[in-house]
Amino acid sequence: MEGIKRARKTAKERHRVAFRRMRSGGSKLQFASAEGHRADGQRGTFRAAIFGVNDGLVSNLSLVMGVAGASTDARFVLLAGVAGLLAGAFSMAAGEYVSMGAQRELFENEIATERRELVEDPQGERKELELIYESKGMTEAAAAKLASHMMKDPVIALDTHAREELGLDMDQLGSPWGAAISSFVAFVVGAIIPVLPYVFLLSQAAFKTSLALSALALLGVGAVISSFTGRALLFSALRMLLIGSLAAGITYLVGSLVGVSTGL
């Protein structure tokens, strides 16, 4: 409770600072900056899926190569790969569920605070909307008219404040279960690639096939990531291949040293 009270006090103080700046002739952009709190958890589903696949691929490839370096028995490698796949997928799902759940609770608390402020201080909230609209280039008269119109309906007023002041879409706060399931599936898709050859092939052939499939997958993931980073497709693909290869190579070397020292 004490933490929530401090957060509300901080928000109120931010508003007061913004109002003082506006009233003393400060830039409207300063108000926009002060009020421009944005939710950073609204990432694209496709983008999150790609990075989930990448996590599963690199982590399980490293695990499989480490065990393959320690033992030539394909059964051990397969067992380790499946265990790594399941452990990583469930860990990712649990982490996403907790993270998204906490984020949603935070957003819901911010919306509840805004709802209460609309009841306790409607004039102050209307003035906030006016200043936000002015910061976007509207005249004072037009901003005042639009803010007054938005404040007539409590539902519209809350939705408007959530979007304009908090940067939140009340219809898209995120689902903890949805995040958990999508993370689980994405991780499994990536993590299963280096494991599959060990299901169908003999040890040496499985090892080489696993490396080849994983290399192709790393190139593909890197190429897709380039669409988010703006880097050249070839650069991004080769960088991802290099990173994955380094991780797999190091774990293979460590596995080999462990295998020699333990006599596996």
Protein backbone atom coordinates (compact mmCIF):
# COMPACT_ATOMS: atom_id res chain seq x y z
CA MET A 1 0.00 0.00 0.00
CA GLU A 2 2.81 2.38 0.87
CA GLY A 3 4.40 1.83 -2.54
CA ILE A 4 1.12 2.57 -4.32
CA LYS A 5 0.67 5.77 -2.31
CA ARG A 6 4.17 6.91 -3.26
CA ALA A 7 3.49 6.15 -6.93
CA ARG A 8 0.27 8.19 -6.86
CA LYS A 9 2.06 11.05 -5.14
CA THR A 10 4.79 10.94 -7.79
CA ALA A 11 2.20 11.01 -10.60
CA LYS A 12 0.41 13.96 -9.02
CA GLU A 13 3.69 15.80 -8.60
CA ARG A 14 4.52 15.16 -12.27
CA HIS A 15 1.21 16.69 -13.25
CA ARG A 16 1.77 19.74 -11.03
CA VAL A 17 5.24 20.28 -12.51
CA ALA A 18 3.80 20.06 -16.01
CA PHE A 19 1.07 22.57 -15.22
CA ARG A 20 3.57 25.01 -13.68
CA ARG A 21 5.73 24.80 -16.79
CA MET A 22 2.78 25.51 -19.06
CA ARG A 23 1.51 28.38 -16.93
CA SER A 24 4.97 29.94 -16.73
CA GLY A 25 5.34 29.90 -20.50
CA GLY A 26 7.17 26.61 -20.82
CA SER A 27 7.09 24.64 -24.03
CA LYS A 28 4.06 22.50 -24.75
CA LEU A 29 6.50 19.79 -25.71
CA GLN A 30 7.72 19.77 -22.12
CA PHE A 31 4.20 18.89 -21.03
CA ALA A 32 3.97 16.21 -23.67
CA SER A 33 7.23 14.77 -22.38
CA ALA A 34 6.08 14.89 -18.76
CA GLU A 35 2.79 13.21 -19.58
CA GLY A 36 4.22 10.91 -22.23
CA HIS A 37 4.49 7.76 -20.16
CA ARG A 38 4.22 4.85 -22.54
CA ALA A 39 3.70 1.15 -21.93
CA ASP A 40 6.76 -0.70 -23.15
CA GLY A 41 5.21 -4.17 -23.03
CA GLN A 42 3.12 -3.83 -26.22
CA ARG A 43 5.55 -5.53 -28.56
CA GLY A 44 4.44 -7.17 -31.80
CA THR A 45 3.46 -10.81 -31.50
CA PHE A 46 5.52 -11.79 -34.52
CA ARG A 47 8.61 -10.02 -33.22
CA ALA A 48 8.29 -11.72 -29.82
CA ALA A 49 7.82 -15.10 -31.52
CA ILE A 50 10.98 -14.71 -33.59
CA PHE A 51 13.09 -13.86 -30.57
CA GLY A 52 11.50 -16.76 -28.69
CA VAL A 53 12.48 -19.12 -31.49
CA ASN A 54 15.98 -17.65 -31.43
CA ASP A 55 16.31 -18.22 -27.68
CA GLY A 56 15.22 -21.84 -28.00
CA LEU A 57 17.48 -22.50 -30.96
CA VAL A 58 20.69 -21.03 -29.54
CA SER A 59 20.27 -22.34 -25.99
CA ASN A 60 19.36 -25.91 -26.99
CA LEU A 61 21.93 -26.04 -29.78
CA SER A 62 24.57 -25.13 -27.20
CA LEU A 63 23.28 -27.79 -24.82
CA VAL A 64 23.15 -30.49 -27.50
CA MET A 65 26.67 -29.65 -28.73
CA GLY A 66 28.01 -29.65 -25.18
CA VAL A 67 26.64 -33.12 -24.48
CA ALA A 68 27.72 -34.35 -27.93
CA GLY A 69 31.24 -33.19 -27.13
CA ALA A 70 31.22 -35.17 -23.89
CA SER A 71 29.64 -38.37 -25.23
CA THR A 72 29.16 -40.04 -28.60
CA ASP A 73 26.10 -41.91 -27.34
CA ALA A 74 23.14 -40.44 -29.24
CA ARG A 75 20.79 -41.48 -26.45
CA PHE A 76 22.50 -39.16 -23.98
CA VAL A 77 22.41 -36.29 -26.45
CA LEU A 78 18.73 -36.89 -27.23
CA LEU A 79 17.83 -37.08 -23.55
CA ALA A 80 19.70 -33.87 -22.79
CA GLY A 81 18.16 -32.10 -25.77
CA VAL A 82 14.61 -33.06 -24.84
CA ALA A 83 15.22 -32.12 -21.20
CA GLY A 84 16.65 -28.77 -22.27
CA LEU A 85 13.72 -28.17 -24.59
CA LEU A 86 11.13 -28.83 -21.90
CA ALA A 87 12.99 -27.03 -19.12
CA GLY A 88 13.59 -23.96 -21.28
CA ALA A 89 10.06 -23.86 -22.67
CA PHE A 90 8.40 -24.15 -19.26
CA SER A 91 10.82 -21.63 -17.79
CA MET A 92 10.07 -19.16 -20.57
CA ALA A 93 6.33 -19.70 -20.20
CA ALA A 94 6.42 -19.23 -16.43
CA GLY A 95 8.56 -16.12 -16.76
CA GLU A 96 6.27 -14.58 -19.36
CA TYR A 97 3.18 -15.40 -17.31
CA VAL A 98 4.59 -13.70 -14.20
CA SER A 99 5.96 -10.75 -16.17
CA MET A 100 2.79 -10.15 -18.17
CA GLY A 101 0.62 -10.64 -15.09
CA ALA A 102 2.61 -8.06 -13.12
CA GLN A 103 2.54 -5.68 -16.07
CA ARG A 104 -1.23 -6.03 -16.46
CA GLU A 105 -1.76 -5.43 -12.74
CA LEU A 106 0.38 -2.30 -12.99
CA PHE A 107 -1.62 -1.01 -15.95
CA GLU A 108 -4.93 -1.82 -14.24
CA ASN A 109 -3.76 0.05 -11.13
CA GLU A 110 -2.84 3.09 -13.24
CA ILE A 111 -6.26 3.00 -14.92
CA ALA A 112 -7.99 2.66 -11.53
CA THR A 113 -6.05 5.68 -10.26
CA GLU A 114 -7.09 7.65 -13.34
CA ARG A 115 -10.74 6.60 -12.84
CA ARG A 116 -10.64 7.86 -9.27
CA GLU A 117 -9.03 11.16 -10.30
CA LEU A 118 -11.77 11.72 -12.88
CA VAL A 119 -14.33 11.48 -10.08
CA GLU A 120 -12.39 13.52 -7.51
CA ASP A 121 -11.00 16.24 -9.77
CA PRO A 122 -12.84 16.38 -13.13
CA GLN A 123 -11.83 19.96 -13.83
CA GLY A 124 -8.17 19.19 -13.30
CA GLU A 125 -8.43 16.16 -15.57
CA ARG A 126 -10.19 18.21 -18.23
CA LYS A 127 -7.37 20.75 -18.04
CA GLU A 128 -4.83 17.97 -18.49
CA LEU A 129 -6.59 16.90 -21.69
CA GLU A 130 -6.58 20.48 -22.92
CA LEU A 131 -2.82 20.74 -22.40
CA ILE A 132 -2.22 17.40 -24.11
CA TYR A 133 -4.22 18.48 -27.15
CA GLU A 134 -2.45 21.85 -27.21
CA SER A 135 0.90 20.03 -27.13
CA LYS A 136 -0.22 18.25 -30.32
CA GLY A 137 -0.73 21.55 -32.12
CA MET A 138 -4.37 22.44 -31.43
CA THR A 139 -5.37 25.97 -30.53
CA GLU A 140 -6.44 26.65 -26.94
CA ALA A 141 -10.07 27.10 -27.98
CA ALA A 142 -10.15 23.89 -30.03
CA ALA A 143 -8.36 21.94 -27.30
CA ALA A 144 -10.79 23.20 -24.65
CA LYS A 145 -13.81 22.30 -26.81
CA LEU A 146 -12.53 18.81 -27.57
CA ALA A 147 -11.52 18.15 -23.95
CA SER A 148 -14.96 19.23 -22.71
CA HIS A 149 -16.62 16.94 -25.23
CA MET A 150 -14.48 13.98 -24.18
CA MET A 151 -15.23 14.57 -20.51
CA LYS A 152 -19.02 14.38 -20.94
CA ASP A 153 -19.10 10.58 -20.98
CA PRO A 154 -17.21 8.91 -18.07
CA VAL A 155 -16.38 5.84 -20.16
CA ILE A 156 -15.00 7.89 -23.04
CA ALA A 157 -13.20 10.17 -20.61
CA LEU A 158 -11.40 7.27 -18.94
CA ASP A 159 -10.49 5.65 -22.25
CA THR A 160 -9.19 8.98 -23.57
CA HIS A 161 -7.07 9.65 -20.49
CA ALA A 162 -5.70 6.12 -20.58
CA ARG A 163 -4.63 6.55 -24.20
CA GLU A 164 -3.49 10.17 -24.16
CA GLU A 165 -2.03 10.47 -20.67
CA LEU A 166 -0.86 6.95 -19.84
CA GLY A 167 -0.29 5.60 -23.35
CA LEU A 168 -2.47 2.56 -22.68
CA ASP A 169 -5.05 0.83 -24.84
CA MET A 170 -7.61 -0.55 -22.37
CA ASP A 171 -8.59 -3.27 -24.84
CA GLN A 172 -5.01 -4.48 -25.27
CA LEU A 173 -3.44 -4.79 -21.82
CA GLY A 174 -2.05 -8.22 -22.63
CA SER A 175 -3.00 -11.72 -21.51
CA PRO A 176 -0.65 -13.59 -19.13
CA TRP A 177 -1.87 -16.95 -20.44
CA GLY A 178 -1.54 -15.83 -24.05
CA ALA A 179 2.03 -14.64 -23.43
CA ALA A 180 2.93 -17.87 -21.62
CA ILE A 181 1.54 -20.14 -24.34
CA SER A 182 3.09 -18.19 -27.21
CA SER A 183 6.48 -18.14 -25.45
CA PHE A 184 6.29 -21.87 -24.82
CA VAL A 185 5.47 -22.65 -28.45
CA ALA A 186 8.09 -20.26 -29.86
CA PHE A 187 10.83 -21.71 -27.66
CA VAL A 188 9.88 -25.28 -28.59
CA VAL A 189 9.97 -24.46 -32.32
CA GLY A 190 13.53 -23.20 -32.00
CA ALA A 191 14.77 -25.76 -29.47
CA ILE A 192 13.53 -28.81 -31.37
CA ILE A 193 15.65 -28.13 -34.47
CA PRO A 194 19.01 -29.37 -33.09
CA VAL A 195 17.28 -32.31 -31.38
CA LEU A 196 15.27 -33.77 -34.26
CA PRO A 197 18.18 -35.46 -36.08
CA TYR A 198 18.95 -37.47 -32.97
CA VAL A 199 15.44 -38.93 -33.09
CA PHE A 200 15.89 -40.44 -36.57
CA LEU A 201 19.61 -40.82 -37.28
CA LEU A 202 22.69 -42.56 -35.90
CA SER A 203 25.06 -40.60 -33.72
CA GLN A 204 27.62 -39.27 -36.24
CA ALA A 205 25.05 -38.54 -38.95
CA ALA A 206 22.77 -36.95 -36.35
CA PHE A 207 25.58 -34.69 -35.17
CA LYS A 208 26.36 -33.38 -38.65
CA THR A 209 22.69 -33.02 -39.59
CA SER A 210 21.96 -31.17 -36.35
CA LEU A 211 24.75 -28.71 -37.10
CA ALA A 212 23.54 -28.17 -40.67
CA LEU A 213 19.89 -27.67 -39.74
CA SER A 214 20.80 -25.36 -36.87
CA ALA A 215 23.07 -23.29 -39.12
CA LEU A 216 20.27 -22.85 -41.66
CA ALA A 217 17.84 -21.93 -38.88
CA LEU A 218 20.28 -19.38 -37.44
CA LEU A 219 20.65 -17.78 -40.87
CA GLY A 220 16.87 -17.67 -41.26
CA VAL A 221 16.26 -16.16 -37.83
CA GLY A 222 18.99 -13.58 -38.39
CA ALA A 223 17.46 -12.63 -41.73
CA VAL A 224 14.03 -12.12 -40.16
CA ILE A 225 15.51 -10.12 -37.26
CA SER A 226 16.97 -7.71 -39.82
CA SER A 227 13.44 -6.53 -40.59
CA PHE A 228 13.19 -5.24 -37.00
CA THR A 229 16.70 -3.85 -36.59
CA GLY A 230 17.05 -2.22 -40.01
CA ARG A 231 20.39 -3.95 -40.60
CA ALA A 232 21.26 -5.51 -43.95
CA LEU A 233 19.74 -8.97 -44.32
CA LEU A 234 23.05 -10.69 -45.05
CA PHE A 235 24.82 -8.96 -42.17
CA SER A 236 22.10 -9.89 -39.70
CA ALA A 237 21.96 -13.49 -40.91
CA LEU A 238 25.73 -13.99 -40.75
CA ARG A 239 25.93 -12.29 -37.35
CA MET A 240 23.31 -14.65 -35.96
CA LEU A 241 25.18 -17.62 -37.43
CA LEU A 242 28.42 -16.41 -35.86
CA ILE A 243 26.85 -15.93 -32.43
CA GLY A 244 25.17 -19.33 -32.48
CA SER A 245 28.30 -21.03 -33.76
CA LEU A 246 30.46 -19.47 -31.06
CA ALA A 247 28.04 -20.55 -28.33
CA ALA A 248 27.82 -24.09 -29.72
CA GLY A 249 31.57 -24.30 -30.29
CA ILE A 250 32.44 -23.23 -26.76
CA THR A 251 30.02 -25.68 -25.16
CA TYR A 252 31.26 -28.47 -27.45
CA LEU A 253 34.82 -27.76 -26.37
CA VAL A 254 33.85 -27.72 -22.70
CA GLY A 255 31.88 -30.93 -23.18
CA SER A 256 34.86 -32.58 -24.83
CA LEU A 257 37.14 -31.62 -21.95
CA VAL A 258 34.61 -32.91 -19.43
CA GLY A 259 34.19 -36.13 -21.40
CA VAL A 260 37.94 -36.74 -21.47
CA SER A 261 38.36 -36.01 -17.76
CA THR A 262 35.45 -38.24 -16.73
CA GLY A 263 36.08 -41.01 -19.23
CA LEU A 264 32.67 -40.75 -20.93
